[in-house]
PDB file of N, CA and C in Angstrom:
ATOM      1  N   MET A   1     124.836  32.629 161.976  1.00  0.00           N
ATOM      2  CA  MET A   1     124.142  33.567 163.293  1.00  0.00           C
ATOM      3  C   MET A   1     122.590  33.678 163.174  1.00  0.00           C
ATOM      4  N   SER A   2     122.008  33.532 163.844  1.00  0.00           N
ATOM      5  CA  SER A   2     120.782  33.650 164.573  1.00  0.00           C
ATOM      6  C   SER A   2     120.226  34.676 164.976  1.00  0.00           C
ATOM      7  N   ILE A   3     119.279  35.264 164.062  1.00  0.00           N
ATOM      8  CA  ILE A   3     118.098  36.412 164.358  1.00  0.00           C
ATOM      9  C   ILE A   3     117.620  35.613 165.948  1.00  0.00           C
ATOM     10  N   ALA A   4     117.765  36.804 166.708  1.00  0.00           N
ATOM     11  CA  ALA A   4     116.814  36.508 168.080  1.00  0.00           C
ATOM     12  C   ALA A   4     115.720  36.196 168.112  1.00  0.00           C
ATOM     13  N   GLY A   5     115.453  34.781 168.717  1.00  0.00           N
ATOM     14  CA  GLY A   5     113.904  33.835 168.576  1.00  0.00           C
ATOM     15  C   GLY A   5     113.877  33.274 167.155  1.00  0.00           C
ATOM     16  N   PHE A   6     114.470  33.180 166.070  1.00  0.00           N
ATOM     17  CA  PHE A   6     114.453  32.360 165.024  1.00  0.00           C
ATOM     18  C   PHE A   6     115.701  31.428 164.589  1.00  0.00           C
ATOM     19  N   PRO A   7     115.145  29.946 165.079  1.00  0.00           N
ATOM     20  CA  PRO A   7     116.044  28.967 164.925  1.00  0.00           C
ATOM     21  C   PRO A   7     117.085  29.233 163.427  1.00  0.00           C
ATOM     22  N   THR A   8     117.855  29.145 163.033  1.00  0.00           N
ATOM     23  CA  THR A   8     118.457  28.732 161.783  1.00  0.00           C
ATOM     24  C   THR A   8     118.876  27.340 161.194  1.00  0.00           C
ATOM     25  N   SER A   9     119.180  26.640 160.310  1.00  0.00           N
ATOM     26  CA  SER A   9     119.245  25.358 160.090  1.00  0.00           C
ATOM     27  C   SER A   9     120.530  24.552 161.170  1.00  0.00           C
ATOM     28  N   SER A  10     121.572  25.718 161.362  1.00  0.00           N
ATOM     29  CA  SER A  10     122.669  25.217 162.378  1.00  0.00           C
ATOM     30  C   SER A  10     121.751  24.896 163.613  1.00  0.00           C
ATOM     31  N   ASP A  11     121.018  25.513 163.835  1.00  0.00           N
ATOM     32  CA  ASP A  11     120.297  25.461 165.302  1.00  0.00           C
ATOM     33  C   ASP A  11     119.564  23.981 165.227  1.00  0.00           C
ATOM     34  N   ILE A  12     119.013  23.524 164.653  1.00  0.00           N
ATOM     35  CA  ILE A  12     118.415  22.310 164.615  1.00  0.00           C
ATOM     36  C   ILE A  12     119.218  21.058 163.966  1.00  0.00           C
ATOM     37  N   TYR A  13     119.508  19.943 164.570  1.00  0.00           N
ATOM     38  CA  TYR A  13     120.137  19.086 163.740  1.00  0.00           C
ATOM     39  C   TYR A  13     120.256  17.673 164.576  1.00  0.00           C
ATOM     40  N   LEU A  14     120.759  16.673 164.007  1.00  0.00           N
ATOM     41  CA  LEU A  14     120.623  15.453 164.258  1.00  0.00           C
ATOM     42  C   LEU A  14     121.943  14.871 164.689  1.00  0.00           C
ATOM     43  N   GLU A  15     121.960  14.430 166.020  1.00  0.00           N
ATOM     44  CA  GLU A  15     123.169  13.672 167.004  1.00  0.00           C
ATOM     45  C   GLU A  15     123.567  12.570 166.931  1.00  0.00           C
ATOM     46  N   VAL A  16     124.625  11.799 166.743  1.00  0.00           N
ATOM     47  CA  VAL A  16     124.720  10.436 167.084  1.00  0.00           C
ATOM     48  C   VAL A  16     125.764  10.442 167.917  1.00  0.00           C
ATOM     49  N   ASP A  17     125.589   9.664 168.768  1.00  0.00           N
ATOM     50  CA  ASP A  17     127.084   9.747 170.055  1.00  0.00           C
ATOM     51  C   ASP A  17     127.563  10.966 170.085  1.00  0.00           C
ATOM     52  N   GLY A  18     127.045  12.285 170.321  1.00  0.00           N
ATOM     53  CA  GLY A  18     127.523  13.459 170.719  1.00  0.00           C
ATOM     54  C   GLY A  18     127.973  13.858 169.328  1.00  0.00           C
ATOM     55  N   THR A  19     128.032  13.654 168.029  1.00  0.00           N
ATOM     56  CA  THR A  19     128.238  13.922 166.703  1.00  0.00           C
ATOM     57  C   THR A  19     127.163  14.392 166.085  1.00  0.00           C
ATOM     58  N   LYS A  20     127.327  15.406 165.420  1.00  0.00           N
ATOM     59  CA  LYS A  20     126.405  16.202 164.434  1.00  0.00           C
ATOM     60  C   LYS A  20     126.466  15.758 163.309  1.00  0.00           C
ATOM     61  N   VAL A  21     125.264  14.954 162.832  1.00  0.00           N
ATOM     62  CA  VAL A  21     125.123  14.164 161.431  1.00  0.00           C
ATOM     63  C   VAL A  21     124.627  14.825 160.428  1.00  0.00           C
ATOM     64  N   ALA A  22     123.460  15.562 160.954  1.00  0.00           N
ATOM     65  CA  ALA A  22     122.713  16.466 160.099  1.00  0.00           C
ATOM     66  C   ALA A  22     122.385  17.777 160.517  1.00  0.00           C
ATOM     67  N   VAL A  23     122.319  18.719 159.136  1.00  0.00           N
ATOM     68  CA  VAL A  23     121.670  19.625 160.025  1.00  0.00           C
ATOM     69  C   VAL A  23     119.930  19.757 159.273  1.00  0.00           C
ATOM     70  N   VAL A  24     118.830  20.338 159.909  1.00  0.00           N
ATOM     71  CA  VAL A  24     117.582  20.274 159.579  1.00  0.00           C
ATOM     72  C   VAL A  24     117.240  21.810 159.036  1.00  0.00           C
ATOM     73  N   GLN A  25     116.455  22.029 158.172  1.00  0.00           N
ATOM     74  CA  GLN A  25     115.962  23.277 158.025  1.00  0.00           C
ATOM     75  C   GLN A  25     114.871  23.608 158.758  1.00  0.00           C
ATOM     76  N   SER A  26     113.652  22.638 158.947  1.00  0.00           N
ATOM     77  CA  SER A  26     112.802  22.948 159.973  1.00  0.00           C
ATOM     78  C   SER A  26     112.096  21.916 160.593  1.00  0.00           C
ATOM     79  N   TYR A  27     111.337  21.780 161.184  1.00  0.00           N
ATOM     80  CA  TYR A  27     110.750  20.739 162.057  1.00  0.00           C
ATOM     81  C   TYR A  27     108.956  21.100 162.295  1.00  0.00           C
ATOM     82  N   THR A  28     108.408  19.724 162.732  1.00  0.00           N
ATOM     83  CA  THR A  28     107.049  20.249 163.349  1.00  0.00           C
ATOM     84  C   THR A  28     106.668  18.976 164.511  1.00  0.00           C
ATOM     85  N   ALA A  29     106.470  19.597 165.526  1.00  0.00           N
ATOM     86  CA  ALA A  29     106.641  18.418 166.531  1.00  0.00           C
ATOM     87  C   ALA A  29     105.069  17.977 166.848  1.00  0.00           C
ATOM     88  N   LYS A  30     104.401  17.103 167.286  1.00  0.00           N
ATOM     89  CA  LYS A  30     103.562  16.544 167.771  1.00  0.00           C
ATOM     90  C   LYS A  30     103.556  15.766 169.060  1.00  0.00           C
ATOM     91  N   ALA A  31     103.016  16.167 170.172  1.00  0.00           N
ATOM     92  CA  ALA A  31     103.046  15.195 171.357  1.00  0.00           C
ATOM     93  C   ALA A  31     101.532  14.637 171.393  1.00  0.00           C
ATOM     94  N   ALA A  32     101.557  13.425 171.864  1.00  0.00           N
ATOM     95  CA  ALA A  32     100.199  12.900 172.133  1.00  0.00           C
ATOM     96  C   ALA A  32     100.172  12.270 173.444  1.00  0.00           C
ATOM     97  N   LYS A  33      99.498  12.241 174.226  1.00  0.00           N
ATOM     98  CA  LYS A  33      99.085  11.514 175.567  1.00  0.00           C
ATOM     99  C   LYS A  33      97.938  10.453 175.567  1.00  0.00           C
ATOM    100  N   THR A  34      98.222   8.993 175.835  1.00  0.00           N
ATOM    101  CA  THR A  34      97.305   8.170 175.905  1.00  0.00           C
ATOM    102  C   THR A  34      96.446   8.390 177.338  1.00  0.00           C
ATOM    103  N   SER A  35      95.832   9.156 177.502  1.00  0.00           N
ATOM    104  CA  SER A  35      95.054   9.416 178.878  1.00  0.00           C
ATOM    105  C   SER A  35      93.790   8.620 178.336  1.00  0.00           C
ATOM    106  N   ARG A  36      93.254   8.426 179.570  1.00  0.00           N
ATOM    107  CA  ARG A  36      92.241   7.768 179.598  1.00  0.00           C
ATOM    108  C   ARG A  36      91.213   8.066 180.908  1.00  0.00           C
ATOM    109  N   ALA A  37      89.737   8.348 180.502  1.00  0.00           N
ATOM    110  CA  ALA A  37      88.662   8.350 181.493  1.00  0.00           C
ATOM    111  C   ALA A  37      88.496   7.182 182.356  1.00  0.00           C
ATOM    112  N   VAL A  38      87.991   7.552 183.878  1.00  0.00           N
ATOM    113  CA  VAL A  38      87.833   6.891 184.639  1.00  0.00           C
ATOM    114  C   VAL A  38      86.571   6.665 185.055  1.00  0.00           C
ATOM    115  N   GLU A  39      85.463   5.724 184.574  1.00  0.00           N
ATOM    116  CA  GLU A  39      84.164   5.808 185.118  1.00  0.00           C
ATOM    117  C   GLU A  39      83.962   5.225 186.174  1.00  0.00           C
ATOM    118  N   ALA A  40      82.677   5.530 186.655  1.00  0.00           N
ATOM    119  CA  ALA A  40      82.158   4.683 187.928  1.00  0.00           C
ATOM    120  C   ALA A  40      80.701   4.403 187.742  1.00  0.00           C
ATOM    121  N   PHE A  41      80.462   3.416 188.376  1.00  0.00           N
ATOM    122  CA  PHE A  41      79.155   2.902 188.255  1.00  0.00           C
ATOM    123  C   PHE A  41      77.924   3.854 188.180  1.00  0.00           C
ATOM    124  N   GLY A  42      76.691   4.431 187.746  1.00  0.00           N
ATOM    125  CA  GLY A  42      75.950   5.048 188.269  1.00  0.00           C
ATOM    126  C   GLY A  42      76.569   6.660 187.880  1.00  0.00           C
ATOM    127  N   GLU A  43      77.716   7.267 187.552  1.00  0.00           N
ATOM    128  CA  GLU A  43      77.958   8.062 187.304  1.00  0.00           C
ATOM    129  C   GLU A  43      77.729   8.638 185.619  1.00  0.00           C
ATOM    130  N   GLU A  44      77.093   9.673 185.242  1.00  0.00           N
ATOM    131  CA  GLU A  44      76.881  10.231 183.658  1.00  0.00           C
ATOM    132  C   GLU A  44      78.134  10.589 183.209  1.00  0.00           C
ATOM    133  N   GLU A  45      79.157  11.237 184.083  1.00  0.00           N
ATOM    134  CA  GLU A  45      80.404  11.615 183.784  1.00  0.00           C
ATOM    135  C   GLU A  45      81.564  11.119 184.330  1.00  0.00           C
ATOM    136  N   PRO A  46      82.512  10.711 183.399  1.00  0.00           N
ATOM    137  CA  PRO A  46      83.746  10.270 184.059  1.00  0.00           C
ATOM    138  C   PRO A  46      84.294  10.950 185.530  1.00  0.00           C
ATOM    139  N   VAL A  47      84.726  10.346 186.395  1.00  0.00           N
ATOM    140  CA  VAL A  47      85.074  10.804 187.935  1.00  0.00           C
ATOM    141  C   VAL A  47      86.519  11.257 187.776  1.00  0.00           C
ATOM    142  N   ALA A  48      87.288  11.113 186.829  1.00  0.00           N
ATOM    143  CA  ALA A  48      88.657  11.409 186.826  1.00  0.00           C
ATOM    144  C   ALA A  48      89.409  10.902 185.529  1.00  0.00           C
ATOM    145  N   THR A  49      90.504  11.319 185.293  1.00  0.00           N
ATOM    146  CA  THR A  49      91.479  10.982 183.999  1.00  0.00           C
ATOM    147  C   THR A  49      92.475  10.470 184.349  1.00  0.00           C
ATOM    148  N   VAL A  50      93.054   9.602 184.020  1.00  0.00           N
ATOM    149  CA  VAL A  50      94.361   8.825 184.166  1.00  0.00           C
ATOM    150  C   VAL A  50      95.826   9.581 183.166  1.00  0.00           C
ATOM    151  N   PRO A  51      96.726   9.750 183.253  1.00  0.00           N
ATOM    152  CA  PRO A  51      97.703  10.350 182.277  1.00  0.00           C
ATOM    153  C   PRO A  51      98.090   9.046 182.038  1.00  0.00           C
ATOM    154  N   GLY A  52      98.534   9.067 180.741  1.00  0.00           N
ATOM    155  CA  GLY A  52      99.386   8.119 180.257  1.00  0.00           C
ATOM    156  C   GLY A  52     100.445   8.256 179.527  1.00  0.00           C
ATOM    157  N   GLN A  53     101.095   7.592 178.513  1.00  0.00           N
ATOM    158  CA  GLN A  53     102.471   7.625 177.882  1.00  0.00           C
ATOM    159  C   GLN A  53     102.199   8.588 176.929  1.00  0.00           C
ATOM    160  N   ILE A  54     103.374   9.585 176.976  1.00  0.00           N
ATOM    161  CA  ILE A  54     103.308  10.642 175.520  1.00  0.00           C
ATOM    162  C   ILE A  54     104.471  10.297 174.745  1.00  0.00           C
ATOM    163  N   ASN A  55     103.902  10.147 173.582  1.00  0.00           N
ATOM    164  CA  ASN A  55     104.258  10.001 171.980  1.00  0.00           C
ATOM    165  C   ASN A  55     104.931  11.208 171.687  1.00  0.00           C
ATOM    166  N   HIS A  56     106.005  11.444 171.066  1.00  0.00           N
ATOM    167  CA  HIS A  56     106.598  12.422 170.346  1.00  0.00           C
ATOM    168  C   HIS A  56     106.845  12.112 169.028  1.00  0.00           C
ATOM    169  N   VAL A  57     105.999  12.595 167.853  1.00  0.00           N
ATOM    170  CA  VAL A  57     106.193  12.454 166.698  1.00  0.00           C
ATOM    171  C   VAL A  57     106.949  13.832 166.050  1.00  0.00           C
ATOM    172  N   LEU A  58     107.668  13.744 165.170  1.00  0.00           N
ATOM    173  CA  LEU A  58     108.449  15.014 164.727  1.00  0.00           C
ATOM    174  C   LEU A  58     108.654  14.960 163.164  1.00  0.00           C
ATOM    175  N   GLU A  59     108.509  15.708 162.388  1.00  0.00           N
ATOM    176  CA  GLU A  59     108.576  15.770 160.916  1.00  0.00           C
ATOM    177  C   GLU A  59     109.522  16.544 160.860  1.00  0.00           C
ATOM    178  N   LEU A  60     110.684  16.374 159.977  1.00  0.00           N
ATOM    179  CA  LEU A  60     111.882  17.146 159.604  1.00  0.00           C
ATOM    180  C   LEU A  60     111.962  17.138 158.356  1.00  0.00           C
ATOM    181  N   THR A  61     112.161  18.504 157.922  1.00  0.00           N
ATOM    182  CA  THR A  61     112.283  19.041 156.294  1.00  0.00           C
ATOM    183  C   THR A  61     113.527  19.309 156.193  1.00  0.00           C
ATOM    184  N   ARG A  62     114.192  19.016 154.957  1.00  0.00           N
ATOM    185  CA  ARG A  62     115.278  19.107 154.566  1.00  0.00           C
ATOM    186  C   ARG A  62     116.499  18.764 155.252  1.00  0.00           C
ATOM    187  N   LEU A  63     116.745  17.755 155.306  1.00  0.00           N
ATOM    188  CA  LEU A  63     117.841  17.008 156.100  1.00  0.00           C
ATOM    189  C   LEU A  63     118.890  17.290 155.141  1.00  0.00           C
ATOM    190  N   TYR A  64     120.494  17.912 155.922  1.00  0.00           N
ATOM    191  CA  TYR A  64     121.421  17.771 155.099  1.00  0.00           C
ATOM    192  C   TYR A  64     122.513  17.481 155.824  1.00  0.00           C
ATOM    193  N   ALA A  65     123.223  16.195 155.267  1.00  0.00           N
ATOM    194  CA  ALA A  65     124.219  15.562 155.934  1.00  0.00           C
ATOM    195  C   ALA A  65     125.305  16.348 156.138  1.00  0.00           C
ATOM    196  N   THR A  66     126.250  16.209 157.286  1.00  0.00           N
ATOM    197  CA  THR A  66     127.280  17.095 157.505  1.00  0.00           C
ATOM    198  C   THR A  66     128.687  16.385 156.794  1.00  0.00           C
ATOM    199  N   ASP A  67     129.515  17.252 156.468  1.00  0.00           N
ATOM    200  CA  ASP A  67     130.824  16.799 155.936  1.00  0.00           C
ATOM    201  C   ASP A  67     131.238  15.734 156.287  1.00  0.00           C
ATOM    202  N   GLU A  68     131.659  15.610 157.628  1.00  0.00           N
ATOM    203  CA  GLU A  68     131.938  14.581 158.696  1.00  0.00           C
ATOM    204  C   GLU A  68     131.266  13.217 158.322  1.00  0.00           C
ATOM    205  N   ALA A  69     129.881  13.294 158.502  1.00  0.00           N
ATOM    206  CA  ALA A  69     129.051  12.040 158.060  1.00  0.00           C
ATOM    207  C   ALA A  69     128.914  11.624 156.830  1.00  0.00           C
ATOM    208  N   ILE A  70     129.027  12.654 155.855  1.00  0.00           N
ATOM    209  CA  ILE A  70     129.428  11.987 154.335  1.00  0.00           C
ATOM    210  C   ILE A  70     130.768  11.078 154.235  1.00  0.00           C
ATOM    211  N   ARG A  71     131.761  11.875 154.944  1.00  0.00           N
ATOM    212  CA  ARG A  71     133.043  11.196 154.744  1.00  0.00           C
ATOM    213  C   ARG A  71     133.197   9.806 155.641  1.00  0.00           C
ATOM    214  N   ASP A  72     132.200   9.750 156.812  1.00  0.00           N
ATOM    215  CA  ASP A  72     132.167   8.315 157.551  1.00  0.00           C
ATOM    216  C   ASP A  72     131.142   7.531 156.589  1.00  0.00           C
ATOM    217  N   GLY A  73     130.580   7.911 155.496  1.00  0.00           N
ATOM    218  CA  GLY A  73     129.518   7.017 154.686  1.00  0.00           C
ATOM    219  C   GLY A  73     128.644   6.857 155.431  1.00  0.00           C
ATOM    220  N   ILE A  74     127.514   8.017 155.842  1.00  0.00           N
ATOM    221  CA  ILE A  74     126.590   8.084 156.351  1.00  0.00           C
ATOM    222  C   ILE A  74     125.210   7.361 155.781  1.00  0.00           C
ATOM    223  N   ASP A  75     124.532   6.604 156.758  1.00  0.00           N
ATOM    224  CA  ASP A  75     122.969   5.824 156.099  1.00  0.00           C
ATOM    225  C   ASP A  75     122.113   6.075 156.802  1.00  0.00           C
ATOM    226  N   PHE A  76     121.168   7.401 156.112  1.00  0.00           N
ATOM    227  CA  PHE A  76     120.248   7.517 156.939  1.00  0.00           C
ATOM    228  C   PHE A  76     119.382   6.140 157.185  1.00  0.00           C
ATOM    229  N   TYR A  77     119.188   5.446 156.129  1.00  0.00           N
ATOM    230  CA  TYR A  77     118.210   4.335 156.411  1.00  0.00           C
ATOM    231  C   TYR A  77     118.414   3.316 157.579  1.00  0.00           C
ATOM    232  N   SER A  78     119.634   3.262 157.961  1.00  0.00           N
ATOM    233  CA  SER A  78     120.343   2.367 159.057  1.00  0.00           C
ATOM    234  C   SER A  78     120.528   3.132 160.379  1.00  0.00           C
ATOM    235  N   LEU A  79     120.271   4.495 160.328  1.00  0.00           N
ATOM    236  CA  LEU A  79     120.108   5.109 161.588  1.00  0.00           C
ATOM    237  C   LEU A  79     119.263   4.999 162.808  1.00  0.00           C
ATOM    238  N   SER A  80     119.578   4.937 163.853  1.00  0.00           N
ATOM    239  CA  SER A  80     118.883   4.497 164.879  1.00  0.00           C
ATOM    240  C   SER A  80     119.280   5.061 166.313  1.00  0.00           C
ATOM    241  N   ASP A  81     118.445   5.092 167.183  1.00  0.00           N
ATOM    242  CA  ASP A  81     118.725   5.592 168.200  1.00  0.00           C
ATOM    243  C   ASP A  81     119.664   7.050 168.507  1.00  0.00           C
ATOM    244  N   PHE A  82     118.956   8.005 167.642  1.00  0.00           N
ATOM    245  CA  PHE A  82     119.856   9.179 167.582  1.00  0.00           C
ATOM    246  C   PHE A  82     119.002  10.181 168.514  1.00  0.00           C
ATOM    247  N   SER A  83     119.629  11.543 168.163  1.00  0.00           N
ATOM    248  CA  SER A  83     118.781  12.730 168.723  1.00  0.00           C
ATOM    249  C   SER A  83     118.592  13.611 168.068  1.00  0.00           C
ATOM    250  N   LEU A  84     117.924  14.276 168.360  1.00  0.00           N
ATOM    251  CA  LEU A  84     117.355  15.766 167.635  1.00  0.00           C
ATOM    252  C   LEU A  84     117.486  16.926 168.747  1.00  0.00           C
ATOM    253  N   VAL A  85     118.256  17.944 168.154  1.00  0.00           N
ATOM    254  CA  VAL A  85     118.930  18.724 169.085  1.00  0.00           C
ATOM    255  C   VAL A  85     118.180  20.108 168.402  1.00  0.00           C
ATOM    256  N   ILE A  86     117.164  21.105 169.433  1.00  0.00           N
ATOM    257  CA  ILE A  86     116.631  22.262 168.771  1.00  0.00           C
ATOM    258  C   ILE A  86     117.114  23.179 169.645  1.00  0.00           C
ATOM    259  N   CYS A  87     118.265  24.031 169.274  1.00  0.00           N
ATOM    260  CA  CYS A  87     118.540  25.114 169.973  1.00  0.00           C
ATOM    261  C   CYS A  87     117.747  26.635 169.876  1.00  0.00           C
ATOM    262  N   LYS A  88     117.330  26.711 170.851  1.00  0.00           N
ATOM    263  CA  LYS A  88     116.336  28.068 171.011  1.00  0.00           C
ATOM    264  C   LYS A  88     116.999  29.101 171.727  1.00  0.00           C
ATOM    265  N   PRO A  89     116.831  30.794 171.408  1.00  0.00           N
ATOM    266  CA  PRO A  89     117.679  31.569 172.363  1.00  0.00           C
ATOM    267  C   PRO A  89     117.575  31.449 173.593  1.00  0.00           C
ATOM    268  N   ASP A  90     116.837  30.849 174.554  1.00  0.00           N
ATOM    269  CA  ASP A  90     116.902  30.937 175.647  1.00  0.00           C
ATOM    270  C   ASP A  90     117.074  29.469 176.449  1.00  0.00           C
ATOM    271  N   ARG A  91     116.637  28.098 175.615  1.00  0.00           N
ATOM    272  CA  ARG A  91     116.681  26.904 175.970  1.00  0.00           C
ATOM    273  C   ARG A  91     117.164  26.344 174.763  1.00  0.00           C
ATOM    274  N   LYS A  92     117.256  24.810 175.290  1.00  0.00           N
ATOM    275  CA  LYS A  92     117.562  24.080 174.521  1.00  0.00           C
ATOM    276  C   LYS A  92     116.624  22.825 174.511  1.00  0.00           C
ATOM    277  N   VAL A  93     115.885  22.228 173.278  1.00  0.00           N
ATOM    278  CA  VAL A  93     114.931  21.049 173.315  1.00  0.00           C
ATOM    279  C   VAL A  93     115.759  19.739 172.903  1.00  0.00           C
ATOM    280  N   ILE A  94     115.648  18.768 173.553  1.00  0.00           N
ATOM    281  CA  ILE A  94     116.542  17.308 172.994  1.00  0.00           C
ATOM    282  C   ILE A  94     115.404  16.223 173.036  1.00  0.00           C
ATOM    283  N   TYR A  95     115.395  15.813 171.679  1.00  0.00           N
ATOM    284  CA  TYR A  95     114.600  14.590 171.780  1.00  0.00           C
ATOM    285  C   TYR A  95     115.184  13.596 171.514  1.00  0.00           C
ATOM    286  N   SER A  96     115.455  12.253 172.476  1.00  0.00           N
ATOM    287  CA  SER A  96     116.391  11.642 172.448  1.00  0.00           C
ATOM    288  C   SER A  96     115.547  10.124 172.033  1.00  0.00           C
ATOM    289  N   ASN A  97     116.528   9.153 171.782  1.00  0.00           N
ATOM    290  CA  ASN A  97     116.230   7.621 171.697  1.00  0.00           C
ATOM    291  C   ASN A  97     115.130   7.674 170.407  1.00  0.00           C
ATOM    292  N   CYS A  98     115.582   8.426 169.396  1.00  0.00           N
ATOM    293  CA  CYS A  98     115.085   8.581 168.139  1.00  0.00           C
ATOM    294  C   CYS A  98     114.938   7.473 167.002  1.00  0.00           C
ATOM    295  N   GLN A  99     113.936   7.138 166.590  1.00  0.00           N
ATOM    296  CA  GLN A  99     113.871   6.002 165.397  1.00  0.00           C
ATOM    297  C   GLN A  99     113.160   6.716 164.155  1.00  0.00           C
ATOM    298  N   TRP A 100     113.520   6.693 163.248  1.00  0.00           N
ATOM    299  CA  TRP A 100     112.846   7.241 161.916  1.00  0.00           C
ATOM    300  C   TRP A 100     111.639   6.140 161.648  1.00  0.00           C
ATOM    301  N   SER A 101     110.521   6.806 161.189  1.00  0.00           N
ATOM    302  CA  SER A 101     109.252   5.812 160.650  1.00  0.00           C
ATOM    303  C   SER A 101     109.135   6.363 159.572  1.00  0.00           C
ATOM    304  N   GLY A 102     109.533   7.263 158.827  1.00  0.00           N
ATOM    305  CA  GLY A 102     109.295   7.497 157.294  1.00  0.00           C
ATOM    306  C   GLY A 102     110.436   8.412 156.475  1.00  0.00           C
ATOM    307  N   ILE A 103     110.897   8.087 155.776  1.00  0.00           N
ATOM    308  CA  ILE A 103     111.839   8.786 154.821  1.00  0.00           C
ATOM    309  C   ILE A 103     111.012   9.248 153.470  1.00  0.00           C
ATOM    310  N   GLN A 104     111.403  10.713 153.088  1.00  0.00           N
ATOM    311  CA  GLN A 104     111.059  10.798 151.562  1.00  0.00           C
ATOM    312  C   GLN A 104     112.133  11.536 150.983  1.00  0.00           C
ATOM    313  N   GLU A 105     112.541  10.955 150.088  1.00  0.00           N
ATOM    314  CA  GLU A 105     113.842  11.482 149.325  1.00  0.00           C
ATOM    315  C   GLU A 105     113.432  12.236 148.055  1.00  0.00           C
ATOM    316  N   THR A 106     113.977  13.381 147.523  1.00  0.00           N
ATOM    317  CA  THR A 106     113.974  14.003 146.412  1.00  0.00           C
ATOM    318  C   THR A 106     115.136  14.493 146.027  1.00  0.00           C
ATOM    319  N   GLY A 107     115.452  14.493 144.803  1.00  0.00           N
ATOM    320  CA  GLY A 107     116.841  15.391 144.321  1.00  0.00           C
ATOM    321  C   GLY A 107     117.493  14.478 143.299  1.00  0.00           C
ATOM    322  N   THR A 108     119.232  14.934 143.441  1.00  0.00           N
ATOM    323  CA  THR A 108     119.792  14.409 142.257  1.00  0.00           C
ATOM    324  C   THR A 108     120.773  12.926 142.744  1.00  0.00           C
ATOM    325  N   LEU A 109     121.024  12.132 141.929  1.00  0.00           N
ATOM    326  CA  LEU A 109     121.816  11.228 142.260  1.00  0.00           C
ATOM    327  C   LEU A 109     123.199  11.646 143.345  1.00  0.00           C
ATOM    328  N   GLY A 110     123.540  11.034 144.285  1.00  0.00           N
ATOM    329  CA  GLY A 110     124.434  11.141 145.032  1.00  0.00           C
ATOM    330  C   GLY A 110     124.594  12.414 145.994  1.00  0.00           C
ATOM    331  N   ASP A 111     123.304  13.092 146.009  1.00  0.00           N
ATOM    332  CA  ASP A 111     122.713  14.599 146.722  1.00  0.00           C
ATOM    333  C   ASP A 111     122.728  13.901 148.234  1.00  0.00           C
ATOM    334  N   MET A 112     123.101  14.237 149.259  1.00  0.00           N
ATOM    335  CA  MET A 112     123.167  13.864 150.524  1.00  0.00           C
ATOM    336  C   MET A 112     121.851  15.047 151.306  1.00  0.00           C
ATOM    337  N   VAL A 113     120.790  14.595 150.458  1.00  0.00           N
ATOM    338  CA  VAL A 113     119.720  15.771 151.046  1.00  0.00           C
ATOM    339  C   VAL A 113     118.529  14.773 151.311  1.00  0.00           C
ATOM    340  N   LEU A 114     117.744  14.827 152.336  1.00  0.00           N
ATOM    341  CA  LEU A 114     116.437  14.286 152.399  1.00  0.00           C
ATOM    342  C   LEU A 114     115.214  14.793 152.556  1.00  0.00           C
ATOM    343  N   GLU A 115     114.038  14.922 152.111  1.00  0.00           N
ATOM    344  CA  GLU A 115     113.140  16.008 151.765  1.00  0.00           C
ATOM    345  C   GLU A 115     112.368  16.196 153.329  1.00  0.00           C
ATOM    346  N   LYS A 116     111.766  14.889 153.417  1.00  0.00           N
ATOM    347  CA  LYS A 116     110.937  14.636 154.880  1.00  0.00           C
ATOM    348  C   LYS A 116     111.529  13.512 155.440  1.00  0.00           C
ATOM    349  N   VAL A 117     111.973  13.595 156.746  1.00  0.00           N
ATOM    350  CA  VAL A 117     111.676  12.457 157.583  1.00  0.00           C
ATOM    351  C   VAL A 117     111.129  12.554 158.598  1.00  0.00           C
ATOM    352  N   THR A 118     110.091  11.403 159.136  1.00  0.00           N
ATOM    353  CA  THR A 118     109.570  11.227 160.295  1.00  0.00           C
ATOM    354  C   THR A 118     109.863  10.537 161.263  1.00  0.00           C
ATOM    355  N   ILE A 119     110.214  11.321 162.465  1.00  0.00           N
ATOM    356  CA  ILE A 119     110.663  10.347 163.440  1.00  0.00           C
ATOM    357  C   ILE A 119     109.748  10.138 164.718  1.00  0.00           C
ATOM    358  N   VAL A 120     110.234   9.414 165.713  1.00  0.00           N
ATOM    359  CA  VAL A 120     109.386   9.048 166.842  1.00  0.00           C
ATOM    360  C   VAL A 120     110.627   9.127 167.999  1.00  0.00           C
ATOM    361  N   ALA A 121     110.193  10.041 168.573  1.00  0.00           N
ATOM    362  CA  ALA A 121     111.335  10.228 169.889  1.00  0.00           C
ATOM    363  C   ALA A 121     110.874   9.528 171.473  1.00  0.00           C
ATOM    364  N   GLY A 122     111.746   8.993 171.972  1.00  0.00           N
ATOM    365  CA  GLY A 122     111.512   8.149 172.980  1.00  0.00           C
ATOM    366  C   GLY A 122     110.889   9.198 174.505  1.00  0.00           C
ATOM    367  N   LYS A 123     111.805  10.303 174.656  1.00  0.00           N
ATOM    368  CA  LYS A 123     112.114  11.204 175.542  1.00  0.00           C
ATOM    369  C   LYS A 123     112.430  12.440 175.120  1.00  0.00           C
ATOM    370  N   ARG A 124     111.993  13.747 175.800  1.00  0.00           N
ATOM    371  CA  ARG A 124     111.653  14.750 175.396  1.00  0.00           C
ATOM    372  C   ARG A 124     112.232  15.732 176.758  1.00  0.00           C
ATOM    373  N   LEU A 125     113.729  16.529 176.450  1.00  0.00           N
ATOM    374  CA  LEU A 125     114.473  17.215 177.564  1.00  0.00           C
ATOM    375  C   LEU A 125     114.491  18.744 177.370  1.00  0.00           C
ATOM    376  N   GLU A 126     113.993  19.492 178.186  1.00  0.00           N
ATOM    377  CA  GLU A 126     114.268  20.640 177.760  1.00  0.00           C
ATOM    378  C   GLU A 126     115.181  21.393 179.015  1.00  0.00           C
ATOM    379  N   THR A 127     116.147  22.124 178.355  1.00  0.00           N
ATOM    380  CA  THR A 127     117.127  22.867 179.483  1.00  0.00           C
ATOM    381  C   THR A 127     117.248  24.418 179.233  1.00  0.00           C
ATOM    382  N   GLU A 128     117.786  24.888 180.076  1.00  0.00           N
ATOM    383  CA  GLU A 128     117.974  26.615 180.018  1.00  0.00           C
ATOM    384  C   GLU A 128     119.497  26.543 179.459  1.00  0.00           C
ATOM    385  N   VAL A 129     119.928  27.530 178.661  1.00  0.00           N
ATOM    386  CA  VAL A 129     120.888  27.709 177.916  1.00  0.00           C
ATOM    387  C   VAL A 129     121.784  28.535 179.099  1.00  0.00           C
TER     388      VAL A 129
END
């Protein structure tokens, strides 16, 4: 159950082909745009800026594999083209076409918990609930 305005781990999860494979305790999202300035001869300052592509990089903390994913033998290292779903009280944010770029594991043998996973998303979509 969520307290209004505060997501819980069941509100943040990884999804593959519509199936929840892991819940995430917390995340940090960073978006960067490769915009550039347009310079004109004789001008001291740029005359315009041109927007570029947006890169979405997310750091996920404490990923727990779902029981179904464990039964299916999930391998986080071979996971690709997945989605990160973040449910907020008034909207849902979906990062899709995700690939992982870094995985940090700590814990005991056989534990299906990852401490930190860095992912790069191809697309970000926000919808009202």
